[in-house]
Amino acid sequence: MKRSYTDLINIYVKDDKQKLKVFDRNGVYLPTKKIGKNNPKAEQIRTDNQYRTMWNQTVDRALISGVPERQILEVKQSEIGQKVKASIQKSGRNPALLKSLIMTAIFLIGKVFKMVSQKADKGIETVIKAEPEQTPVKRGKSFVKVKSESVPEMPKKSKVYPLSRTN
């Protein structure tokens, strides 16, 4: 239902950047919760959202550094999704447990991130250690002329005079 309404609204939006998107529950990110007015659990939701934001930031860093999305999704499902379901079935809702599960998952993503970066570092080392005969380098001009332009001065703030009231 959300998708159909979102698509209907997006028909009238011309700019792609302003189009609405429905949050993908099966994606790698965790949704944050909105806090309503006079919510007695506002502080609990705020701390929950901080941990969820930490997870989302860790996922962003991992994706940018080359960690495959499917590995992150596996960690999310196994360390957060399945354990939260089991915990709710066993002992009901426990917000403190969610924090520890998210922190454990962040730690595991950090390990995956380190493994990927070590593989990348080893790849760079092998390229550096390669013999010159194996890696031909095309020689070009050694100097490139760059047109230098003078940088204009910073504009100076003009004095602002208060408006006087005449009575």
N, C-alpha and C. Protein backbone atom coordinates (compact mmCIF):
# COMPACT_ATOMS: atom_id res chain seq x y z
N MET A 1 0.81 -1.18 0.00
CA MET A 1 0.00 0.00 0.00
C MET A 1 0.87 1.26 0.00
N LYS A 2 1.93 1.23 0.85
CA LYS A 2 2.83 2.38 0.90
C LYS A 2 3.46 2.64 -0.45
N ARG A 3 3.88 1.56 -1.09
CA ARG A 3 4.55 1.71 -2.38
C ARG A 3 3.64 2.33 -3.43
N SER A 4 2.38 1.90 -3.45
CA SER A 4 1.47 2.44 -4.46
C SER A 4 1.20 3.92 -4.23
N TYR A 5 1.03 4.33 -2.97
CA TYR A 5 0.84 5.76 -2.69
C TYR A 5 2.10 6.56 -2.99
N THR A 6 3.23 5.99 -2.65
CA THR A 6 4.50 6.67 -2.93
C THR A 6 4.69 6.85 -4.43
N ASP A 7 4.41 5.82 -5.18
CA ASP A 7 4.52 5.91 -6.65
C ASP A 7 3.54 6.94 -7.21
N LEU A 8 2.35 6.99 -6.65
CA LEU A 8 1.36 7.96 -7.09
C LEU A 8 1.83 9.39 -6.83
N ILE A 9 2.38 9.62 -5.67
CA ILE A 9 2.90 10.96 -5.35
C ILE A 9 4.09 11.30 -6.24
N ASN A 10 4.97 10.34 -6.47
CA ASN A 10 6.18 10.58 -7.27
C ASN A 10 5.88 10.89 -8.73
N ILE A 11 4.71 10.54 -9.21
CA ILE A 11 4.33 10.87 -10.58
C ILE A 11 4.36 12.39 -10.78
N TYR A 12 3.96 13.12 -9.74
CA TYR A 12 3.85 14.58 -9.84
C TYR A 12 5.14 15.31 -9.46
N VAL A 13 6.13 14.60 -8.94
CA VAL A 13 7.39 15.22 -8.56
C VAL A 13 8.34 15.13 -9.76
N LYS A 14 8.84 16.28 -10.20
CA LYS A 14 9.69 16.30 -11.39
C LYS A 14 11.14 16.01 -11.07
N ASP A 15 11.65 16.54 -9.96
CA ASP A 15 13.05 16.38 -9.60
C ASP A 15 13.27 15.01 -8.95
N ASP A 16 14.22 14.23 -9.49
CA ASP A 16 14.48 12.89 -8.96
C ASP A 16 14.96 12.93 -7.51
N LYS A 17 15.66 13.99 -7.14
CA LYS A 17 16.20 14.08 -5.78
C LYS A 17 15.09 14.28 -4.75
N GLN A 18 13.97 14.81 -5.16
CA GLN A 18 12.88 15.09 -4.23
C GLN A 18 11.84 13.98 -4.18
N LYS A 19 12.01 12.95 -4.98
CA LYS A 19 11.03 11.86 -4.98
C LYS A 19 11.11 11.08 -3.67
N LEU A 20 9.96 10.61 -3.24
CA LEU A 20 9.86 9.85 -2.00
C LEU A 20 10.30 8.41 -2.22
N LYS A 21 10.80 7.80 -1.14
CA LYS A 21 11.23 6.41 -1.19
C LYS A 21 10.65 5.68 0.01
N VAL A 22 10.30 4.43 -0.17
CA VAL A 22 9.82 3.59 0.92
C VAL A 22 11.03 2.85 1.48
N PHE A 23 11.13 2.83 2.81
CA PHE A 23 12.26 2.17 3.46
C PHE A 23 12.22 0.67 3.18
N ASP A 24 13.35 0.11 2.76
CA ASP A 24 13.44 -1.31 2.45
C ASP A 24 13.78 -2.08 3.72
N ARG A 25 12.83 -2.81 4.25
CA ARG A 25 13.03 -3.57 5.49
C ARG A 25 14.02 -4.72 5.30
N ASN A 26 14.17 -5.19 4.07
CA ASN A 26 15.08 -6.30 3.80
C ASN A 26 16.47 -5.82 3.41
N GLY A 27 16.74 -4.53 3.54
CA GLY A 27 18.03 -3.96 3.20
C GLY A 27 19.00 -4.08 4.36
N VAL A 28 20.15 -3.45 4.22
CA VAL A 28 21.20 -3.56 5.22
C VAL A 28 21.05 -2.55 6.36
N TYR A 29 20.21 -1.56 6.19
CA TYR A 29 20.07 -0.50 7.19
C TYR A 29 18.99 -0.82 8.21
N LEU A 30 19.11 -0.24 9.41
CA LEU A 30 18.09 -0.37 10.44
C LEU A 30 17.29 0.94 10.48
N PRO A 31 15.97 0.85 10.55
CA PRO A 31 15.18 2.09 10.60
C PRO A 31 15.24 2.72 11.99
N THR A 32 15.19 4.04 12.02
CA THR A 32 15.08 4.73 13.31
C THR A 32 13.60 4.99 13.57
N LYS A 33 13.27 5.15 14.83
CA LYS A 33 11.87 5.35 15.20
C LYS A 33 11.61 6.83 15.45
N LYS A 34 10.41 7.26 15.14
CA LYS A 34 10.02 8.63 15.41
C LYS A 34 9.50 8.72 16.85
N ILE A 35 9.76 9.88 17.45
CA ILE A 35 9.33 10.10 18.83
C ILE A 35 8.18 11.09 18.81
N GLY A 36 7.05 10.65 19.29
CA GLY A 36 5.88 11.52 19.33
C GLY A 36 5.91 12.46 20.53
N LYS A 37 5.01 13.40 20.55
CA LYS A 37 4.92 14.34 21.66
C LYS A 37 4.48 13.60 22.92
N ASN A 38 5.05 14.00 24.02
CA ASN A 38 4.71 13.46 25.34
C ASN A 38 4.81 11.94 25.41
N ASN A 39 5.75 11.38 24.69
CA ASN A 39 5.95 9.93 24.71
C ASN A 39 6.73 9.56 25.98
N PRO A 40 6.17 8.70 26.83
CA PRO A 40 6.88 8.34 28.06
C PRO A 40 8.18 7.55 27.80
N LYS A 41 8.29 6.95 26.65
CA LYS A 41 9.49 6.17 26.32
C LYS A 41 10.43 6.95 25.39
N ALA A 42 10.33 8.27 25.38
CA ALA A 42 11.12 9.09 24.46
C ALA A 42 12.62 8.89 24.67
N GLU A 43 13.07 8.85 25.90
CA GLU A 43 14.51 8.69 26.17
C GLU A 43 15.00 7.32 25.71
N GLN A 44 14.21 6.30 25.94
CA GLN A 44 14.56 4.95 25.51
C GLN A 44 14.65 4.88 23.98
N ILE A 45 13.70 5.50 23.30
CA ILE A 45 13.70 5.51 21.83
C ILE A 45 14.90 6.29 21.31
N ARG A 46 15.24 7.39 21.99
CA ARG A 46 16.40 8.19 21.58
C ARG A 46 17.69 7.37 21.65
N THR A 47 17.90 6.65 22.75
CA THR A 47 19.12 5.84 22.86
C THR A 47 19.10 4.69 21.85
N ASP A 48 17.92 4.11 21.64
CA ASP A 48 17.76 3.07 20.62
C ASP A 48 18.17 3.61 19.24
N ASN A 49 17.69 4.79 18.92
CA ASN A 49 18.01 5.41 17.63
C ASN A 49 19.50 5.71 17.49
N GLN A 50 20.16 6.04 18.60
CA GLN A 50 21.60 6.28 18.54
C GLN A 50 22.34 5.02 18.10
N TYR A 51 21.95 3.88 18.67
CA TYR A 51 22.59 2.62 18.30
C TYR A 51 22.26 2.23 16.86
N ARG A 52 21.02 2.46 16.47
CA ARG A 52 20.63 2.18 15.09
C ARG A 52 21.42 3.07 14.11
N THR A 53 21.62 4.33 14.48
CA THR A 53 22.40 5.25 13.65
C THR A 53 23.85 4.80 13.58
N MET A 54 24.39 4.34 14.71
CA MET A 54 25.77 3.81 14.70
C MET A 54 25.88 2.64 13.71
N TRP A 55 24.89 1.76 13.72
CA TRP A 55 24.87 0.62 12.79
C TRP A 55 24.85 1.13 11.35
N ASN A 56 23.95 2.07 11.07
CA ASN A 56 23.81 2.58 9.71
C ASN A 56 25.09 3.27 9.24
N GLN A 57 25.78 3.99 10.12
CA GLN A 57 27.03 4.64 9.76
C GLN A 57 28.12 3.60 9.50
N THR A 58 28.14 2.56 10.31
CA THR A 58 29.12 1.48 10.10
C THR A 58 28.87 0.79 8.77
N VAL A 59 27.60 0.57 8.44
CA VAL A 59 27.26 -0.04 7.16
C VAL A 59 27.71 0.86 6.01
N ASP A 60 27.49 2.16 6.14
CA ASP A 60 27.93 3.10 5.10
C ASP A 60 29.43 2.98 4.87
N ARG A 61 30.20 3.01 5.96
CA ARG A 61 31.66 2.90 5.84
C ARG A 61 32.08 1.58 5.21
N ALA A 62 31.42 0.51 5.61
CA ALA A 62 31.76 -0.81 5.08
C ALA A 62 31.45 -0.89 3.58
N LEU A 63 30.30 -0.37 3.18
CA LEU A 63 29.93 -0.40 1.76
C LEU A 63 30.90 0.42 0.92
N ILE A 64 31.28 1.59 1.43
CA ILE A 64 32.22 2.44 0.69
C ILE A 64 33.58 1.78 0.56
N SER A 65 33.99 1.04 1.59
CA SER A 65 35.31 0.42 1.56
C SER A 65 35.35 -0.89 0.78
N GLY A 66 34.19 -1.34 0.29
CA GLY A 66 34.20 -2.51 -0.58
C GLY A 66 33.66 -3.80 0.03
N VAL A 67 33.09 -3.73 1.22
CA VAL A 67 32.50 -4.94 1.81
C VAL A 67 31.22 -5.24 1.04
N PRO A 68 31.07 -6.49 0.57
CA PRO A 68 29.87 -6.83 -0.20
C PRO A 68 28.59 -6.69 0.65
N GLU A 69 27.55 -6.19 0.02
CA GLU A 69 26.28 -5.95 0.70
C GLU A 69 25.70 -7.25 1.25
N ARG A 70 25.91 -8.35 0.57
CA ARG A 70 25.35 -9.62 1.03
C ARG A 70 25.98 -10.05 2.35
N GLN A 71 27.28 -9.75 2.57
CA GLN A 71 27.92 -10.10 3.85
C GLN A 71 27.34 -9.26 4.98
N ILE A 72 27.10 -8.00 4.73
CA ILE A 72 26.51 -7.13 5.74
C ILE A 72 25.10 -7.60 6.06
N LEU A 73 24.36 -7.98 5.03
CA LEU A 73 23.00 -8.46 5.22
C LEU A 73 22.98 -9.75 6.04
N GLU A 74 23.95 -10.63 5.81
CA GLU A 74 24.05 -11.87 6.58
C GLU A 74 24.29 -11.56 8.05
N VAL A 75 25.19 -10.61 8.33
CA VAL A 75 25.47 -10.23 9.72
C VAL A 75 24.22 -9.63 10.35
N LYS A 76 23.53 -8.78 9.62
CA LYS A 76 22.31 -8.15 10.15
C LYS A 76 21.27 -9.21 10.48
N GLN A 77 21.06 -10.14 9.57
CA GLN A 77 20.03 -11.16 9.78
C GLN A 77 20.40 -12.11 10.92
N SER A 78 21.67 -12.56 10.94
CA SER A 78 22.05 -13.55 11.94
C SER A 78 22.26 -12.93 13.32
N GLU A 79 22.90 -11.78 13.40
CA GLU A 79 23.24 -11.20 14.69
C GLU A 79 22.16 -10.30 15.27
N ILE A 80 21.34 -9.71 14.42
CA ILE A 80 20.31 -8.81 14.94
C ILE A 80 18.93 -9.44 14.77
N GLY A 81 18.55 -9.73 13.54
CA GLY A 81 17.20 -10.20 13.24
C GLY A 81 16.82 -11.48 13.96
N GLN A 82 17.60 -12.52 13.79
CA GLN A 82 17.25 -13.81 14.38
C GLN A 82 17.34 -13.79 15.90
N LYS A 83 18.36 -13.10 16.43
CA LYS A 83 18.51 -13.07 17.88
C LYS A 83 17.43 -12.22 18.54
N VAL A 84 16.99 -11.16 17.89
CA VAL A 84 15.90 -10.36 18.44
C VAL A 84 14.61 -11.18 18.44
N LYS A 85 14.35 -11.89 17.36
CA LYS A 85 13.14 -12.74 17.31
C LYS A 85 13.16 -13.78 18.43
N ALA A 86 14.30 -14.45 18.60
CA ALA A 86 14.41 -15.47 19.63
C ALA A 86 14.23 -14.87 21.02
N SER A 87 14.82 -13.70 21.24
CA SER A 87 14.70 -13.05 22.54
C SER A 87 13.27 -12.64 22.84
N ILE A 88 12.56 -12.11 21.84
CA ILE A 88 11.16 -11.70 22.04
C ILE A 88 10.30 -12.91 22.35
N GLN A 89 10.53 -14.03 21.66
CA GLN A 89 9.75 -15.24 21.92
C GLN A 89 10.05 -15.79 23.31
N LYS A 90 11.31 -15.68 23.73
CA LYS A 90 11.71 -16.26 25.00
C LYS A 90 11.30 -15.41 26.20
N SER A 91 11.62 -14.10 26.14
CA SER A 91 11.40 -13.28 27.34
C SER A 91 10.72 -11.95 27.08
N GLY A 92 10.10 -11.78 25.94
CA GLY A 92 9.41 -10.52 25.64
C GLY A 92 10.38 -9.45 25.15
N ARG A 93 9.86 -8.24 25.02
CA ARG A 93 10.67 -7.12 24.52
C ARG A 93 11.64 -6.64 25.59
N ASN A 94 12.91 -6.54 25.20
CA ASN A 94 13.94 -6.06 26.11
C ASN A 94 14.83 -5.08 25.36
N PRO A 95 14.60 -3.76 25.49
CA PRO A 95 15.37 -2.77 24.73
C PRO A 95 16.87 -2.81 25.00
N ALA A 96 17.25 -3.16 26.23
CA ALA A 96 18.68 -3.21 26.56
C ALA A 96 19.39 -4.29 25.75
N LEU A 97 18.69 -5.37 25.45
CA LEU A 97 19.28 -6.44 24.67
C LEU A 97 19.55 -6.00 23.23
N LEU A 98 18.67 -5.17 22.68
CA LEU A 98 18.86 -4.68 21.31
C LEU A 98 20.18 -3.93 21.19
N LYS A 99 20.50 -3.12 22.19
CA LYS A 99 21.76 -2.36 22.17
C LYS A 99 22.95 -3.29 22.09
N SER A 100 22.95 -4.32 22.92
CA SER A 100 24.09 -5.24 22.92
C SER A 100 24.17 -6.03 21.61
N LEU A 101 23.02 -6.39 21.05
CA LEU A 101 23.03 -7.12 19.78
C LEU A 101 23.57 -6.24 18.65
N ILE A 102 23.17 -4.98 18.64
CA ILE A 102 23.65 -4.06 17.59
C ILE A 102 25.15 -3.84 17.75
N MET A 103 25.61 -3.67 18.98
CA MET A 103 27.06 -3.46 19.20
C MET A 103 27.86 -4.69 18.76
N THR A 104 27.35 -5.89 19.02
CA THR A 104 28.01 -7.11 18.57
C THR A 104 28.06 -7.17 17.05
N ALA A 105 26.96 -6.81 16.41
CA ALA A 105 26.92 -6.81 14.94
C ALA A 105 27.87 -5.77 14.37
N ILE A 106 27.98 -4.60 15.00
CA ILE A 106 28.92 -3.57 14.55
C ILE A 106 30.34 -4.10 14.67
N PHE A 107 30.63 -4.80 15.75
CA PHE A 107 31.96 -5.40 15.93
C PHE A 107 32.26 -6.39 14.81
N LEU A 108 31.29 -7.22 14.46
CA LEU A 108 31.50 -8.21 13.39
C LEU A 108 31.69 -7.53 12.04
N ILE A 109 30.93 -6.46 11.78
CA ILE A 109 31.11 -5.72 10.52
C ILE A 109 32.52 -5.12 10.50
N GLY A 110 32.98 -4.65 11.66
CA GLY A 110 34.35 -4.12 11.75
C GLY A 110 35.38 -5.18 11.39
N LYS A 111 35.16 -6.42 11.83
CA LYS A 111 36.08 -7.51 11.48
C LYS A 111 36.07 -7.78 9.98
N VAL A 112 34.88 -7.80 9.38
CA VAL A 112 34.75 -8.02 7.94
C VAL A 112 35.45 -6.88 7.19
N PHE A 113 35.24 -5.66 7.69
CA PHE A 113 35.86 -4.48 7.09
C PHE A 113 37.38 -4.61 7.11
N LYS A 114 37.96 -5.05 8.25
CA LYS A 114 39.41 -5.23 8.36
C LYS A 114 39.91 -6.29 7.39
N MET A 115 39.15 -7.39 7.25
CA MET A 115 39.56 -8.45 6.33
C MET A 115 39.60 -7.93 4.90
N VAL A 116 38.60 -7.15 4.51
CA VAL A 116 38.54 -6.61 3.16
C VAL A 116 39.69 -5.62 2.94
N SER A 117 39.96 -4.79 3.94
CA SER A 117 41.04 -3.81 3.78
C SER A 117 42.40 -4.49 3.75
N GLN A 118 42.57 -5.60 4.50
CA GLN A 118 43.84 -6.34 4.44
C GLN A 118 44.04 -6.98 3.08
N LYS A 119 42.96 -7.49 2.49
CA LYS A 119 43.06 -8.06 1.15
C LYS A 119 43.43 -6.99 0.15
N ALA A 120 42.85 -5.80 0.31
CA ALA A 120 43.17 -4.69 -0.59
C ALA A 120 44.62 -4.26 -0.42
N ASP A 121 45.10 -4.23 0.84
CA ASP A 121 46.50 -3.87 1.09
C ASP A 121 47.45 -4.89 0.47
N LYS A 122 47.12 -6.17 0.55
CA LYS A 122 47.95 -7.21 -0.05
C LYS A 122 47.98 -7.05 -1.57
N GLY A 123 46.84 -6.68 -2.14
CA GLY A 123 46.78 -6.45 -3.59
C GLY A 123 47.67 -5.29 -3.99
N ILE A 124 47.70 -4.24 -3.19
CA ILE A 124 48.56 -3.09 -3.48
C ILE A 124 50.02 -3.48 -3.36
N GLU A 125 50.36 -4.29 -2.32
CA GLU A 125 51.74 -4.73 -2.13
C GLU A 125 52.22 -5.55 -3.33
N THR A 126 51.37 -6.42 -3.87
CA THR A 126 51.79 -7.23 -5.00
C THR A 126 52.02 -6.37 -6.23
N VAL A 127 51.23 -5.31 -6.40
CA VAL A 127 51.44 -4.41 -7.53
C VAL A 127 52.75 -3.66 -7.35
N ILE A 128 53.06 -3.25 -6.13
CA ILE A 128 54.30 -2.52 -5.87
C ILE A 128 55.50 -3.43 -6.06
N LYS A 129 55.42 -4.68 -5.63
CA LYS A 129 56.53 -5.60 -5.71
C LYS A 129 56.74 -6.16 -7.12
N ALA A 130 55.80 -5.94 -8.01
CA ALA A 130 55.90 -6.49 -9.36
C ALA A 130 57.13 -5.93 -10.07
N GLU A 131 57.72 -6.75 -10.89
CA GLU A 131 58.91 -6.34 -11.63
C GLU A 131 58.53 -5.35 -12.72
N PRO A 132 59.44 -4.42 -13.06
CA PRO A 132 59.14 -3.43 -14.08
C PRO A 132 58.78 -4.03 -15.44
N GLU A 133 59.34 -5.19 -15.76
CA GLU A 133 59.06 -5.80 -17.05
C GLU A 133 57.60 -6.26 -17.13
N GLN A 134 57.02 -6.61 -15.99
CA GLN A 134 55.65 -7.10 -15.98
C GLN A 134 54.62 -5.97 -16.03
N THR A 135 55.02 -4.78 -15.59
CA THR A 135 54.08 -3.67 -15.57
C THR A 135 54.62 -2.53 -16.44
N PRO A 136 54.27 -2.55 -17.73
CA PRO A 136 54.76 -1.49 -18.60
C PRO A 136 54.11 -0.15 -18.23
N VAL A 137 54.93 0.89 -18.24
CA VAL A 137 54.44 2.23 -17.91
C VAL A 137 54.62 3.10 -19.14
N LYS A 138 53.57 3.76 -19.52
CA LYS A 138 53.62 4.64 -20.66
C LYS A 138 54.15 5.99 -20.19
N ARG A 139 55.21 6.46 -20.81
CA ARG A 139 55.80 7.72 -20.40
C ARG A 139 55.16 8.87 -21.16
N GLY A 140 54.95 9.93 -20.45
CA GLY A 140 54.34 11.11 -21.06
C GLY A 140 55.17 12.33 -20.74
N LYS A 141 54.60 13.49 -20.88
CA LYS A 141 55.30 14.73 -20.56
C LYS A 141 55.54 14.77 -19.06
N SER A 142 56.72 15.24 -18.69
CA SER A 142 57.04 15.26 -17.27
C SER A 142 56.47 16.49 -16.56
N PHE A 143 56.27 17.59 -17.29
CA PHE A 143 55.72 18.78 -16.66
C PHE A 143 54.47 19.22 -17.38
N VAL A 144 53.52 19.68 -16.63
CA VAL A 144 52.29 20.18 -17.21
C VAL A 144 52.14 21.62 -16.75
N LYS A 145 51.91 22.52 -17.69
CA LYS A 145 51.74 23.92 -17.33
C LYS A 145 50.33 24.12 -16.78
N VAL A 146 50.27 24.80 -15.67
CA VAL A 146 48.99 25.08 -15.05
C VAL A 146 48.79 26.58 -15.08
N LYS A 147 47.67 26.98 -15.54
CA LYS A 147 47.36 28.39 -15.61
C LYS A 147 47.05 28.89 -14.21
N SER A 148 47.82 29.85 -13.74
CA SER A 148 47.59 30.33 -12.38
C SER A 148 46.72 31.58 -12.43
N GLU A 149 45.75 31.58 -11.57
CA GLU A 149 44.85 32.71 -11.48
C GLU A 149 44.97 33.29 -10.08
N SER A 150 44.86 34.58 -9.99
CA SER A 150 44.93 35.20 -8.67
C SER A 150 43.60 34.97 -7.96
N VAL A 151 43.70 34.75 -6.67
CA VAL A 151 42.52 34.50 -5.87
C VAL A 151 41.96 35.85 -5.42
N PRO A 152 40.68 36.11 -5.66
CA PRO A 152 40.12 37.39 -5.25
C PRO A 152 40.05 37.51 -3.73
N GLU A 153 40.09 38.75 -3.25
CA GLU A 153 40.02 38.99 -1.81
C GLU A 153 38.64 38.61 -1.28
N MET A 154 38.63 38.25 -0.02
CA MET A 154 37.37 37.94 0.64
C MET A 154 36.53 39.21 0.74
N PRO A 155 35.26 39.15 0.48
CA PRO A 155 34.43 40.35 0.63
C PRO A 155 34.38 40.77 2.09
N LYS A 156 34.35 42.06 2.33
CA LYS A 156 34.32 42.57 3.69
C LYS A 156 32.88 42.86 4.07
N LYS A 157 32.59 42.58 5.33
CA LYS A 157 31.25 42.79 5.83
C LYS A 157 30.98 44.28 5.95
N SER A 158 29.85 44.70 5.47
CA SER A 158 29.48 46.10 5.62
C SER A 158 28.80 46.28 6.97
N LYS A 159 28.90 47.48 7.50
CA LYS A 159 28.29 47.74 8.80
C LYS A 159 26.77 47.78 8.63
N VAL A 160 26.11 47.21 9.58
CA VAL A 160 24.65 47.20 9.57
C VAL A 160 24.19 48.20 10.61
N TYR A 161 23.42 49.15 10.18
CA TYR A 161 22.92 50.18 11.09
C TYR A 161 21.50 49.82 11.51
N PRO A 162 21.23 49.95 12.80
CA PRO A 162 19.86 49.64 13.26
C PRO A 162 18.87 50.69 12.76
N LEU A 163 17.69 50.24 12.49
CA LEU A 163 16.65 51.14 12.04
C LEU A 163 16.17 51.97 13.24
N SER A 164 16.03 53.24 13.03
CA SER A 164 15.58 54.08 14.13
C SER A 164 14.07 54.26 14.03
N ARG A 165 13.46 54.30 15.16
CA ARG A 165 12.01 54.49 15.20
C ARG A 165 11.71 55.96 15.44
N THR A 166 10.83 56.46 14.69
CA THR A 166 10.43 57.84 14.90
C THR A 166 9.00 57.86 15.40
N ASN A 167 8.78 58.52 16.48
CA ASN A 167 7.44 58.59 17.05
C ASN A 167 6.92 59.99 17.01
